[in-house]
Amino acid sequence: MIAANNLNEVQSHVSMTGHMRAVLAVFVNEEVWQGLGEDQRAAITKVLDDEATKSLQMAQEGEAKLVEELKGRGMTFITEADGLDLTAFRESVNKQIAQDFPSFTPLIEQIQAVE
């Protein structure tokens, strides 16, 4: 978003909090899924896991290229190595989400369990 919208023209720094991620979700009808044999479900799950790994690698490579491009445009990136406190950031955001959207708590817990 920063590169595509030339936000570097009005923003000089980026904190690398990792709070924005693209997710490729796969939805399968539960009845159809349960109608498959265990070997079929295992094969589909393996393909999806393998593709998720490839997708993550592509995203990380793409992000690295964009960071270099934006550095070339004069932007500064702040990371944990520079003192960015990701734990404090996450705690603050999670506290606000819990306050504003209490019904999201089970979903947030599921997401955090993936990390």
PDB file of N, CA and C in Angstrom:
ATOM      1  N   MET A   1       0.815  -1.186   0.000  1.00  0.00           N
ATOM      2  CA  MET A   1       0.000   0.000   0.000  1.00  0.00           C
ATOM      3  C   MET A   1       0.865   1.258   0.000  1.00  0.00           C
ATOM      4  N   ILE A   2       1.952   1.206   0.756  1.00  0.00           N
ATOM      5  CA  ILE A   2       2.814   2.389   0.842  1.00  0.00           C
ATOM      6  C   ILE A   2       3.430   2.693  -0.519  1.00  0.00           C
ATOM      7  N   ALA A   3       3.964   1.662  -1.175  1.00  0.00           N
ATOM      8  CA  ALA A   3       4.602   1.874  -2.474  1.00  0.00           C
ATOM      9  C   ALA A   3       3.575   2.215  -3.544  1.00  0.00           C
ATOM     10  N   ALA A   4       2.480   1.468  -3.588  1.00  0.00           N
ATOM     11  CA  ALA A   4       1.476   1.661  -4.636  1.00  0.00           C
ATOM     12  C   ALA A   4       0.837   3.041  -4.569  1.00  0.00           C
ATOM     13  N   ASN A   5       0.718   3.581  -3.369  1.00  0.00           N
ATOM     14  CA  ASN A   5       0.077   4.888  -3.198  1.00  0.00           C
ATOM     15  C   ASN A   5       1.080   6.017  -2.967  1.00  0.00           C
ATOM     16  N   ASN A   6       2.359   5.735  -3.166  1.00  0.00           N
ATOM     17  CA  ASN A   6       3.413   6.735  -2.998  1.00  0.00           C
ATOM     18  C   ASN A   6       3.340   7.445  -1.649  1.00  0.00           C
ATOM     19  N   LEU A   7       3.015   6.693  -0.609  1.00  0.00           N
ATOM     20  CA  LEU A   7       2.936   7.300   0.719  1.00  0.00           C
ATOM     21  C   LEU A   7       4.293   7.786   1.204  1.00  0.00           C
ATOM     22  N   ASN A   8       5.355   7.327   0.562  1.00  0.00           N
ATOM     23  CA  ASN A   8       6.687   7.813   0.906  1.00  0.00           C
ATOM     24  C   ASN A   8       6.805   9.324   0.683  1.00  0.00           C
ATOM     25  N   GLU A   9       5.891   9.878  -0.087  1.00  0.00           N
ATOM     26  CA  GLU A   9       5.904  11.322  -0.329  1.00  0.00           C
ATOM     27  C   GLU A   9       5.438  12.099   0.902  1.00  0.00           C
ATOM     28  N   VAL A  10       4.690  11.452   1.794  1.00  0.00           N
ATOM     29  CA  VAL A  10       4.158  12.134   2.979  1.00  0.00           C
ATOM     30  C   VAL A  10       4.519  11.415   4.287  1.00  0.00           C
ATOM     31  N   GLN A  11       5.206  10.300   4.179  1.00  0.00           N
ATOM     32  CA  GLN A  11       5.565   9.494   5.350  1.00  0.00           C
ATOM     33  C   GLN A  11       7.026   9.110   5.230  1.00  0.00           C
ATOM     34  N   SER A  12       7.810   9.386   6.258  1.00  0.00           N
ATOM     35  CA  SER A  12       9.244   9.119   6.168  1.00  0.00           C
ATOM     36  C   SER A  12       9.670   7.825   6.859  1.00  0.00           C
ATOM     37  N   HIS A  13       8.866   7.333   7.818  1.00  0.00           N
ATOM     38  CA  HIS A  13       9.253   6.167   8.602  1.00  0.00           C
ATOM     39  C   HIS A  13       8.166   5.089   8.581  1.00  0.00           C
ATOM     40  N   VAL A  14       8.596   3.846   8.705  1.00  0.00           N
ATOM     41  CA  VAL A  14       7.681   2.706   8.801  1.00  0.00           C
ATOM     42  C   VAL A  14       8.142   1.838   9.960  1.00  0.00           C
ATOM     43  N   SER A  15       7.226   1.565  10.886  1.00  0.00           N
ATOM     44  CA  SER A  15       7.508   0.626  11.972  1.00  0.00           C
ATOM     45  C   SER A  15       7.078  -0.756  11.505  1.00  0.00           C
ATOM     46  N   MET A  16       8.008  -1.689  11.509  1.00  0.00           N
ATOM     47  CA  MET A  16       7.749  -3.037  10.997  1.00  0.00           C
ATOM     48  C   MET A  16       7.086  -3.901  12.070  1.00  0.00           C
ATOM     49  N   THR A  17       5.814  -3.617  12.326  1.00  0.00           N
ATOM     50  CA  THR A  17       5.064  -4.307  13.372  1.00  0.00           C
ATOM     51  C   THR A  17       4.505  -5.645  12.908  1.00  0.00           C
ATOM     52  N   GLY A  18       4.419  -5.848  11.602  1.00  0.00           N
ATOM     53  CA  GLY A  18       3.879  -7.105  11.093  1.00  0.00           C
ATOM     54  C   GLY A  18       2.390  -7.259  11.349  1.00  0.00           C
ATOM     55  N   HIS A  19       1.684  -6.172  11.555  1.00  0.00           N
ATOM     56  CA  HIS A  19       0.262  -6.279  11.890  1.00  0.00           C
ATOM     57  C   HIS A  19      -0.647  -6.423  10.673  1.00  0.00           C
ATOM     58  N   MET A  20      -0.110  -6.276   9.496  1.00  0.00           N
ATOM     59  CA  MET A  20      -0.902  -6.459   8.281  1.00  0.00           C
ATOM     60  C   MET A  20      -0.378  -7.682   7.537  1.00  0.00           C
ATOM     61  N   ARG A  21      -1.259  -8.626   7.316  1.00  0.00           N
ATOM     62  CA  ARG A  21      -0.886  -9.834   6.595  1.00  0.00           C
ATOM     63  C   ARG A  21      -1.990 -10.182   5.616  1.00  0.00           C
ATOM     64  N   ALA A  22      -1.592 -10.642   4.460  1.00  0.00           N
ATOM     65  CA  ALA A  22      -2.563 -11.153   3.494  1.00  0.00           C
ATOM     66  C   ALA A  22      -2.777 -12.631   3.812  1.00  0.00           C
ATOM     67  N   VAL A  23      -4.013 -13.026   3.799  1.00  0.00           N
ATOM     68  CA  VAL A  23      -4.341 -14.405   4.127  1.00  0.00           C
ATOM     69  C   VAL A  23      -5.088 -15.020   2.955  1.00  0.00           C
ATOM     70  N   LEU A  24      -4.655 -16.189   2.562  1.00  0.00           N
ATOM     71  CA  LEU A  24      -5.347 -16.940   1.528  1.00  0.00           C
ATOM     72  C   LEU A  24      -6.132 -18.033   2.238  1.00  0.00           C
ATOM     73  N   ALA A  25      -7.424 -17.852   2.304  1.00  0.00           N
ATOM     74  CA  ALA A  25      -8.271 -18.815   3.012  1.00  0.00           C
ATOM     75  C   ALA A  25      -8.879 -19.800   2.024  1.00  0.00           C
ATOM     76  N   VAL A  26      -8.993 -21.032   2.466  1.00  0.00           N
ATOM     77  CA  VAL A  26      -9.629 -22.076   1.673  1.00  0.00           C
ATOM     78  C   VAL A  26     -10.835 -22.563   2.470  1.00  0.00           C
ATOM     79  N   PHE A  27     -11.984 -22.529   1.835  1.00  0.00           N
ATOM     80  CA  PHE A  27     -13.213 -22.959   2.493  1.00  0.00           C
ATOM     81  C   PHE A  27     -13.730 -24.210   1.805  1.00  0.00           C
ATOM     82  N   VAL A  28     -14.112 -25.182   2.615  1.00  0.00           N
ATOM     83  CA  VAL A  28     -14.657 -26.423   2.090  1.00  0.00           C
ATOM     84  C   VAL A  28     -15.945 -26.720   2.839  1.00  0.00           C
ATOM     85  N   ASN A  29     -16.965 -27.075   2.100  1.00  0.00           N
ATOM     86  CA  ASN A  29     -18.227 -27.459   2.702  1.00  0.00           C
ATOM     87  C   ASN A  29     -17.982 -28.624   3.666  1.00  0.00           C
ATOM     88  N   GLU A  30     -18.455 -28.475   4.900  1.00  0.00           N
ATOM     89  CA  GLU A  30     -18.204 -29.491   5.938  1.00  0.00           C
ATOM     90  C   GLU A  30     -18.736 -30.866   5.543  1.00  0.00           C
ATOM     91  N   GLU A  31     -19.893 -30.896   4.934  1.00  0.00           N
ATOM     92  CA  GLU A  31     -20.471 -32.185   4.531  1.00  0.00           C
ATOM     93  C   GLU A  31     -19.599 -32.860   3.468  1.00  0.00           C
ATOM     94  N   VAL A  32     -19.140 -32.074   2.519  1.00  0.00           N
ATOM     95  CA  VAL A  32     -18.261 -32.615   1.474  1.00  0.00           C
ATOM     96  C   VAL A  32     -16.955 -33.097   2.103  1.00  0.00           C
ATOM     97  N   TRP A  33     -16.374 -32.260   3.000  1.00  0.00           N
ATOM     98  CA  TRP A  33     -15.105 -32.620   3.657  1.00  0.00           C
ATOM     99  C   TRP A  33     -15.239 -33.942   4.412  1.00  0.00           C
ATOM    100  N   GLN A  34     -16.321 -34.084   5.160  1.00  0.00           N
ATOM    101  CA  GLN A  34     -16.532 -35.306   5.933  1.00  0.00           C
ATOM    102  C   GLN A  34     -16.825 -36.497   5.026  1.00  0.00           C
ATOM    103  N   GLY A  35     -17.304 -36.212   3.818  1.00  0.00           N
ATOM    104  CA  GLY A  35     -17.576 -37.285   2.861  1.00  0.00           C
ATOM    105  C   GLY A  35     -16.318 -37.833   2.200  1.00  0.00           C
ATOM    106  N   LEU A  36     -15.214 -37.129   2.337  1.00  0.00           N
ATOM    107  CA  LEU A  36     -13.940 -37.601   1.771  1.00  0.00           C
ATOM    108  C   LEU A  36     -13.321 -38.623   2.708  1.00  0.00           C
ATOM    109  N   GLY A  37     -12.535 -39.499   2.126  1.00  0.00           N
ATOM    110  CA  GLY A  37     -11.801 -40.460   2.942  1.00  0.00           C
ATOM    111  C   GLY A  37     -10.663 -39.762   3.675  1.00  0.00           C
ATOM    112  N   GLU A  38     -10.190 -40.384   4.753  1.00  0.00           N
ATOM    113  CA  GLU A  38      -9.091 -39.809   5.538  1.00  0.00           C
ATOM    114  C   GLU A  38      -7.860 -39.572   4.679  1.00  0.00           C
ATOM    115  N   ASP A  39      -7.573 -40.503   3.759  1.00  0.00           N
ATOM    116  CA  ASP A  39      -6.411 -40.340   2.872  1.00  0.00           C
ATOM    117  C   ASP A  39      -6.597 -39.151   1.935  1.00  0.00           C
ATOM    118  N   GLN A  40      -7.823 -38.922   1.481  1.00  0.00           N
ATOM    119  CA  GLN A  40      -8.088 -37.770   0.619  1.00  0.00           C
ATOM    120  C   GLN A  40      -7.934 -36.466   1.391  1.00  0.00           C
ATOM    121  N   ARG A  41      -8.476 -36.412   2.606  1.00  0.00           N
ATOM    122  CA  ARG A  41      -8.333 -35.207   3.433  1.00  0.00           C
ATOM    123  C   ARG A  41      -6.868 -34.935   3.739  1.00  0.00           C
ATOM    124  N   ALA A  42      -6.123 -36.003   4.033  1.00  0.00           N
ATOM    125  CA  ALA A  42      -4.697 -35.837   4.334  1.00  0.00           C
ATOM    126  C   ALA A  42      -3.946 -35.311   3.111  1.00  0.00           C
ATOM    127  N   ALA A  43      -4.285 -35.813   1.929  1.00  0.00           N
ATOM    128  CA  ALA A  43      -3.609 -35.365   0.699  1.00  0.00           C
ATOM    129  C   ALA A  43      -3.925 -33.893   0.425  1.00  0.00           C
ATOM    130  N   ILE A  44      -5.181 -33.519   0.582  1.00  0.00           N
ATOM    131  CA  ILE A  44      -5.575 -32.122   0.357  1.00  0.00           C
ATOM    132  C   ILE A  44      -4.894 -31.218   1.375  1.00  0.00           C
ATOM    133  N   THR A  45      -4.878 -31.639   2.629  1.00  0.00           N
ATOM    134  CA  THR A  45      -4.239 -30.846   3.681  1.00  0.00           C
ATOM    135  C   THR A  45      -2.756 -30.664   3.399  1.00  0.00           C
ATOM    136  N   LYS A  46      -2.084 -31.705   2.931  1.00  0.00           N
ATOM    137  CA  LYS A  46      -0.648 -31.605   2.618  1.00  0.00           C
ATOM    138  C   LYS A  46      -0.407 -30.600   1.492  1.00  0.00           C
ATOM    139  N   VAL A  47      -1.214 -30.673   0.448  1.00  0.00           N
ATOM    140  CA  VAL A  47      -1.061 -29.729  -0.666  1.00  0.00           C
ATOM    141  C   VAL A  47      -1.276 -28.301  -0.173  1.00  0.00           C
ATOM    142  N   LEU A  48      -2.312 -28.086   0.638  1.00  0.00           N
ATOM    143  CA  LEU A  48      -2.589 -26.746   1.149  1.00  0.00           C
ATOM    144  C   LEU A  48      -1.461 -26.251   2.046  1.00  0.00           C
ATOM    145  N   ASP A  49      -0.928 -27.125   2.897  1.00  0.00           N
ATOM    146  CA  ASP A  49       0.195 -26.738   3.758  1.00  0.00           C
ATOM    147  C   ASP A  49       1.420 -26.385   2.928  1.00  0.00           C
ATOM    148  N   ASP A  50       1.705 -27.203   1.902  1.00  0.00           N
ATOM    149  CA  ASP A  50       2.857 -26.934   1.034  1.00  0.00           C
ATOM    150  C   ASP A  50       2.697 -25.604   0.301  1.00  0.00           C
ATOM    151  N   GLU A  51       1.508 -25.360  -0.214  1.00  0.00           N
ATOM    152  CA  GLU A  51       1.255 -24.111  -0.937  1.00  0.00           C
ATOM    153  C   GLU A  51       1.287 -22.915   0.007  1.00  0.00           C
ATOM    154  N   ALA A  52       0.834 -23.102   1.241  1.00  0.00           N
ATOM    155  CA  ALA A  52       0.896 -22.016   2.230  1.00  0.00           C
ATOM    156  C   ALA A  52       2.346 -21.640   2.502  1.00  0.00           C
ATOM    157  N   THR A  53       3.206 -22.633   2.592  1.00  0.00           N
ATOM    158  CA  THR A  53       4.635 -22.373   2.811  1.00  0.00           C
ATOM    159  C   THR A  53       5.221 -21.583   1.643  1.00  0.00           C
ATOM    160  N   LYS A  54       4.887 -21.988   0.417  1.00  0.00           N
ATOM    161  CA  LYS A  54       5.370 -21.271  -0.767  1.00  0.00           C
ATOM    162  C   LYS A  54       4.828 -19.839  -0.786  1.00  0.00           C
ATOM    163  N   SER A  55       3.556 -19.695  -0.453  1.00  0.00           N
ATOM    164  CA  SER A  55       2.930 -18.377  -0.450  1.00  0.00           C
ATOM    165  C   SER A  55       3.598 -17.453   0.569  1.00  0.00           C
ATOM    166  N   LEU A  56       3.884 -17.989   1.746  1.00  0.00           N
ATOM    167  CA  LEU A  56       4.561 -17.201   2.775  1.00  0.00           C
ATOM    168  C   LEU A  56       5.945 -16.774   2.301  1.00  0.00           C
ATOM    169  N   GLN A  57       6.677 -17.678   1.681  1.00  0.00           N
ATOM    170  CA  GLN A  57       8.011 -17.349   1.177  1.00  0.00           C
ATOM    171  C   GLN A  57       7.924 -16.251   0.117  1.00  0.00           C
ATOM    172  N   MET A  58       6.964 -16.369  -0.795  1.00  0.00           N
ATOM    173  CA  MET A  58       6.796 -15.344  -1.824  1.00  0.00           C
ATOM    174  C   MET A  58       6.456 -13.998  -1.202  1.00  0.00           C
ATOM    175  N   ALA A  59       5.598 -14.009  -0.184  1.00  0.00           N
ATOM    176  CA  ALA A  59       5.220 -12.760   0.481  1.00  0.00           C
ATOM    177  C   ALA A  59       6.425 -12.123   1.166  1.00  0.00           C
ATOM    178  N   GLN A  60       7.236 -12.940   1.827  1.00  0.00           N
ATOM    179  CA  GLN A  60       8.417 -12.412   2.514  1.00  0.00           C
ATOM    180  C   GLN A  60       9.422 -11.846   1.515  1.00  0.00           C
ATOM    181  N   GLU A  61       9.601 -12.533   0.397  1.00  0.00           N
ATOM    182  CA  GLU A  61      10.514 -12.028  -0.632  1.00  0.00           C
ATOM    183  C   GLU A  61       9.989 -10.724  -1.232  1.00  0.00           C
ATOM    184  N   GLY A  62       8.684 -10.679  -1.469  1.00  0.00           N
ATOM    185  CA  GLY A  62       8.071  -9.464  -2.014  1.00  0.00           C
ATOM    186  C   GLY A  62       8.203  -8.295  -1.059  1.00  0.00           C
ATOM    187  N   GLU A  63       8.004  -8.575   0.245  1.00  0.00           N
ATOM    188  CA  GLU A  63       8.141  -7.513   1.242  1.00  0.00           C
ATOM    189  C   GLU A  63       9.574  -6.999   1.278  1.00  0.00           C
ATOM    190  N   ALA A  64      10.534  -7.897   1.218  1.00  0.00           N
ATOM    191  CA  ALA A  64      11.940  -7.482   1.249  1.00  0.00           C
ATOM    192  C   ALA A  64      12.269  -6.581   0.051  1.00  0.00           C
ATOM    193  N   LYS A  65      11.737  -6.917  -1.121  1.00  0.00           N
ATOM    194  CA  LYS A  65      11.965  -6.094  -2.313  1.00  0.00           C
ATOM    195  C   LYS A  65      11.323  -4.706  -2.151  1.00  0.00           C
ATOM    196  N   LEU A  66      10.106  -4.699  -1.594  1.00  0.00           N
ATOM    197  CA  LEU A  66       9.435  -3.411  -1.389  1.00  0.00           C
ATOM    198  C   LEU A  66      10.173  -2.548  -0.371  1.00  0.00           C
ATOM    199  N   VAL A  67      10.690  -3.165   0.676  1.00  0.00           N
ATOM    200  CA  VAL A  67      11.451  -2.411   1.670  1.00  0.00           C
ATOM    201  C   VAL A  67      12.659  -1.761   0.997  1.00  0.00           C
ATOM    202  N   GLU A  68      13.369  -2.517   0.192  1.00  0.00           N
ATOM    203  CA  GLU A  68      14.544  -1.958  -0.498  1.00  0.00           C
ATOM    204  C   GLU A  68      14.136  -0.839  -1.455  1.00  0.00           C
ATOM    205  N   GLU A  69      13.035  -1.037  -2.171  1.00  0.00           N
ATOM    206  CA  GLU A  69      12.552   0.003  -3.085  1.00  0.00           C
ATOM    207  C   GLU A  69      12.220   1.280  -2.320  1.00  0.00           C
ATOM    208  N   LEU A  70      11.516   1.125  -1.196  1.00  0.00           N
ATOM    209  CA  LEU A  70      11.114   2.297  -0.422  1.00  0.00           C
ATOM    210  C   LEU A  70      12.294   2.950   0.287  1.00  0.00           C
ATOM    211  N   LYS A  71      13.276   2.161   0.684  1.00  0.00           N
ATOM    212  CA  LYS A  71      14.504   2.761   1.221  1.00  0.00           C
ATOM    213  C   LYS A  71      15.154   3.632   0.154  1.00  0.00           C
ATOM    214  N   GLY A  72      15.101   3.167  -1.089  1.00  0.00           N
ATOM    215  CA  GLY A  72      15.635   3.941  -2.207  1.00  0.00           C
ATOM    216  C   GLY A  72      14.881   5.245  -2.421  1.00  0.00           C
ATOM    217  N   ARG A  73      13.639   5.281  -1.965  1.00  0.00           N
ATOM    218  CA  ARG A  73      12.833   6.501  -2.056  1.00  0.00           C
ATOM    219  C   ARG A  73      13.007   7.373  -0.810  1.00  0.00           C
ATOM    220  N   GLY A  74      13.906   6.945   0.094  1.00  0.00           N
ATOM    221  CA  GLY A  74      14.222   7.770   1.259  1.00  0.00           C
ATOM    222  C   GLY A  74      13.528   7.379   2.550  1.00  0.00           C
ATOM    223  N   MET A  75      12.802   6.291   2.558  1.00  0.00           N
ATOM    224  CA  MET A  75      12.092   5.896   3.779  1.00  0.00           C
ATOM    225  C   MET A  75      13.030   5.185   4.752  1.00  0.00           C
ATOM    226  N   THR A  76      12.713   5.306   6.030  1.00  0.00           N
ATOM    227  CA  THR A  76      13.450   4.638   7.101  1.00  0.00           C
ATOM    228  C   THR A  76      12.548   3.579   7.716  1.00  0.00           C
ATOM    229  N   PHE A  77      13.082   2.380   7.908  1.00  0.00           N
ATOM    230  CA  PHE A  77      12.322   1.275   8.477  1.00  0.00           C
ATOM    231  C   PHE A  77      12.832   0.981   9.881  1.00  0.00           C
ATOM    232  N   ILE A  78      11.899   0.916  10.823  1.00  0.00           N
ATOM    233  CA  ILE A  78      12.225   0.663  12.221  1.00  0.00           C
ATOM    234  C   ILE A  78      11.837  -0.779  12.540  1.00  0.00           C
ATOM    235  N   THR A  79      12.808  -1.552  13.033  1.00  0.00           N
ATOM    236  CA  THR A  79      12.588  -2.961  13.361  1.00  0.00           C
ATOM    237  C   THR A  79      12.909  -3.201  14.838  1.00  0.00           C
ATOM    238  N   GLU A  80      12.743  -4.426  15.266  1.00  0.00           N
ATOM    239  CA  GLU A  80      13.110  -4.774  16.641  1.00  0.00           C
ATOM    240  C   GLU A  80      14.583  -4.481  16.902  1.00  0.00           C
ATOM    241  N   ALA A  81      15.416  -4.682  15.894  1.00  0.00           N
ATOM    242  CA  ALA A  81      16.843  -4.400  16.041  1.00  0.00           C
ATOM    243  C   ALA A  81      17.102  -2.923  16.324  1.00  0.00           C
ATOM    244  N   ASP A  82      16.166  -2.085  15.907  1.00  0.00           N
ATOM    245  CA  ASP A  82      16.279  -0.643  16.142  1.00  0.00           C
ATOM    246  C   ASP A  82      15.597  -0.203  17.431  1.00  0.00           C
ATOM    247  N   GLY A  83      15.038  -1.170  18.169  1.00  0.00           N
ATOM    248  CA  GLY A  83      14.382  -0.850  19.435  1.00  0.00           C
ATOM    249  C   GLY A  83      12.865  -0.906  19.401  1.00  0.00           C
ATOM    250  N   LEU A  84      12.288  -1.316  18.285  1.00  0.00           N
ATOM    251  CA  LEU A  84      10.836  -1.443  18.201  1.00  0.00           C
ATOM    252  C   LEU A  84      10.382  -2.540  19.165  1.00  0.00           C
ATOM    253  N   ASP A  85       9.489  -2.202  20.072  1.00  0.00           N
ATOM    254  CA  ASP A  85       9.009  -3.137  21.085  1.00  0.00           C
ATOM    255  C   ASP A  85       7.723  -3.797  20.593  1.00  0.00           C
ATOM    256  N   LEU A  86       7.866  -4.921  19.879  1.00  0.00           N
ATOM    257  CA  LEU A  86       6.709  -5.601  19.318  1.00  0.00           C
ATOM    258  C   LEU A  86       5.787  -6.156  20.397  1.00  0.00           C
ATOM    259  N   THR A  87       6.356  -6.593  21.504  1.00  0.00           N
ATOM    260  CA  THR A  87       5.523  -7.128  22.586  1.00  0.00           C
ATOM    261  C   THR A  87       4.596  -6.042  23.118  1.00  0.00           C
ATOM    262  N   ALA A  88       5.125  -4.873  23.372  1.00  0.00           N
ATOM    263  CA  ALA A  88       4.306  -3.758  23.865  1.00  0.00           C
ATOM    264  C   ALA A  88       3.254  -3.368  22.831  1.00  0.00           C
ATOM    265  N   PHE A  89       3.632  -3.349  21.568  1.00  0.00           N
ATOM    266  CA  PHE A  89       2.692  -3.020  20.493  1.00  0.00           C
ATOM    267  C   PHE A  89       1.543  -4.012  20.479  1.00  0.00           C
ATOM    268  N   ARG A  90       1.881  -5.304  20.483  1.00  0.00           N
ATOM    269  CA  ARG A  90       0.840  -6.345  20.439  1.00  0.00           C
ATOM    270  C   ARG A  90      -0.056  -6.309  21.664  1.00  0.00           C
ATOM    271  N   GLU A  91       0.533  -6.105  22.823  1.00  0.00           N
ATOM    272  CA  GLU A  91      -0.277  -6.031  24.049  1.00  0.00           C
ATOM    273  C   GLU A  91      -1.260  -4.868  23.975  1.00  0.00           C
ATOM    274  N   SER A  92      -0.810  -3.732  23.510  1.00  0.00           N
ATOM    275  CA  SER A  92      -1.665  -2.553  23.399  1.00  0.00           C
ATOM    276  C   SER A  92      -2.797  -2.787  22.403  1.00  0.00           C
ATOM    277  N   VAL A  93      -2.465  -3.344  21.246  1.00  0.00           N
ATOM    278  CA  VAL A  93      -3.478  -3.610  20.227  1.00  0.00           C
ATOM    279  C   VAL A  93      -4.473  -4.654  20.733  1.00  0.00           C
ATOM    280  N   ASN A  94      -3.975  -5.727  21.343  1.00  0.00           N
ATOM    281  CA  ASN A  94      -4.872  -6.774  21.849  1.00  0.00           C
ATOM    282  C   ASN A  94      -5.810  -6.245  22.925  1.00  0.00           C
ATOM    283  N   LYS A  95      -5.309  -5.370  23.769  1.00  0.00           N
ATOM    284  CA  LYS A  95      -6.144  -4.764  24.809  1.00  0.00           C
ATOM    285  C   LYS A  95      -7.270  -3.951  24.180  1.00  0.00           C
ATOM    286  N   GLN A  96      -6.933  -3.188  23.146  1.00  0.00           N
ATOM    287  CA  GLN A  96      -7.946  -2.368  22.476  1.00  0.00           C
ATOM    288  C   GLN A  96      -8.966  -3.239  21.752  1.00  0.00           C
ATOM    289  N   ILE A  97      -8.510  -4.292  21.095  1.00  0.00           N
ATOM    290  CA  ILE A  97      -9.432  -5.202  20.398  1.00  0.00           C
ATOM    291  C   ILE A  97     -10.378  -5.851  21.410  1.00  0.00           C
ATOM    292  N   ALA A  98      -9.829  -6.316  22.542  1.00  0.00           N
ATOM    293  CA  ALA A  98     -10.658  -6.948  23.572  1.00  0.00           C
ATOM    294  C   ALA A  98     -11.718  -5.980  24.096  1.00  0.00           C
ATOM    295  N   GLN A  99     -11.349  -4.711  24.200  1.00  0.00           N
ATOM    296  CA  GLN A  99     -12.285  -3.692  24.687  1.00  0.00           C
ATOM    297  C   GLN A  99     -13.358  -3.392  23.645  1.00  0.00           C
ATOM    298  N   ASP A 100     -12.938  -3.209  22.397  1.00  0.00           N
ATOM    299  CA  ASP A 100     -13.870  -2.791  21.351  1.00  0.00           C
ATOM    300  C   ASP A 100     -14.677  -3.946  20.753  1.00  0.00           C
ATOM    301  N   PHE A 101     -14.070  -5.132  20.733  1.00  0.00           N
ATOM    302  CA  PHE A 101     -14.695  -6.284  20.082  1.00  0.00           C
ATOM    303  C   PHE A 101     -14.572  -7.531  20.960  1.00  0.00           C
ATOM    304  N   PRO A 102     -15.238  -7.566  22.101  1.00  0.00           N
ATOM    305  CA  PRO A 102     -15.078  -8.692  23.022  1.00  0.00           C
ATOM    306  C   PRO A 102     -15.465 -10.043  22.416  1.00  0.00           C
ATOM    307  N   SER A 103     -16.368 -10.044  21.461  1.00  0.00           N
ATOM    308  CA  SER A 103     -16.772 -11.313  20.846  1.00  0.00           C
ATOM    309  C   SER A 103     -15.672 -11.901  19.963  1.00  0.00           C
ATOM    310  N   PHE A 104     -14.636 -11.115  19.644  1.00  0.00           N
ATOM    311  CA  PHE A 104     -13.530 -11.598  18.811  1.00  0.00           C
ATOM    312  C   PHE A 104     -12.517 -12.428  19.597  1.00  0.00           C
ATOM    313  N   THR A 105     -12.616 -12.440  20.920  1.00  0.00           N
ATOM    314  CA  THR A 105     -11.606 -13.092  21.757  1.00  0.00           C
ATOM    315  C   THR A 105     -11.307 -14.524  21.316  1.00  0.00           C
ATOM    316  N   PRO A 106     -12.308 -15.386  21.083  1.00  0.00           N
ATOM    317  CA  PRO A 106     -11.981 -16.756  20.647  1.00  0.00           C
ATOM    318  C   PRO A 106     -11.244 -16.798  19.311  1.00  0.00           C
ATOM    319  N   LEU A 107     -11.600 -15.894  18.402  1.00  0.00           N
ATOM    320  CA  LEU A 107     -10.926 -15.856  17.104  1.00  0.00           C
ATOM    321  C   LEU A 107      -9.473 -15.404  17.251  1.00  0.00           C
ATOM    322  N   ILE A 108      -9.259 -14.387  18.065  1.00  0.00           N
ATOM    323  CA  ILE A 108      -7.898 -13.892  18.306  1.00  0.00           C
ATOM    324  C   ILE A 108      -7.050 -14.995  18.926  1.00  0.00           C
ATOM    325  N   GLU A 109      -7.617 -15.733  19.859  1.00  0.00           N
ATOM    326  CA  GLU A 109      -6.878 -16.834  20.501  1.00  0.00           C
ATOM    327  C   GLU A 109      -6.502 -17.898  19.476  1.00  0.00           C
ATOM    328  N   GLN A 110      -7.389 -18.197  18.537  1.00  0.00           N
ATOM    329  CA  GLN A 110      -7.076 -19.170  17.481  1.00  0.00           C
ATOM    330  C   GLN A 110      -5.930 -18.660  16.606  1.00  0.00           C
ATOM    331  N   ILE A 111      -5.982 -17.407  16.250  1.00  0.00           N
ATOM    332  CA  ILE A 111      -4.935 -16.819  15.413  1.00  0.00           C
ATOM    333  C   ILE A 111      -3.600 -16.859  16.140  1.00  0.00           C
ATOM    334  N   GLN A 112      -3.593 -16.465  17.407  1.00  0.00           N
ATOM    335  CA  GLN A 112      -2.346 -16.446  18.170  1.00  0.00           C
ATOM    336  C   GLN A 112      -1.776 -17.844  18.351  1.00  0.00           C
ATOM    337  N   ALA A 113      -2.612 -18.848  18.401  1.00  0.00           N
ATOM    338  CA  ALA A 113      -2.139 -20.229  18.557  1.00  0.00           C
ATOM    339  C   ALA A 113      -1.362 -20.698  17.323  1.00  0.00           C
ATOM    340  N   VAL A 114      -1.629 -20.084  16.168  1.00  0.00           N
ATOM    341  CA  VAL A 114      -0.937 -20.457  14.935  1.00  0.00           C
ATOM    342  C   VAL A 114       0.509 -20.014  14.963  1.00  0.00           C
ATOM    343  N   GLU A 115       0.783 -18.873  15.580  1.00  0.00           N
ATOM    344  CA  GLU A 115       2.141 -18.340  15.620  1.00  0.00           C
ATOM    345  C   GLU A 115       3.030 -19.343  16.257  1.00  0.00           C
TER     346      GLU A 115
END
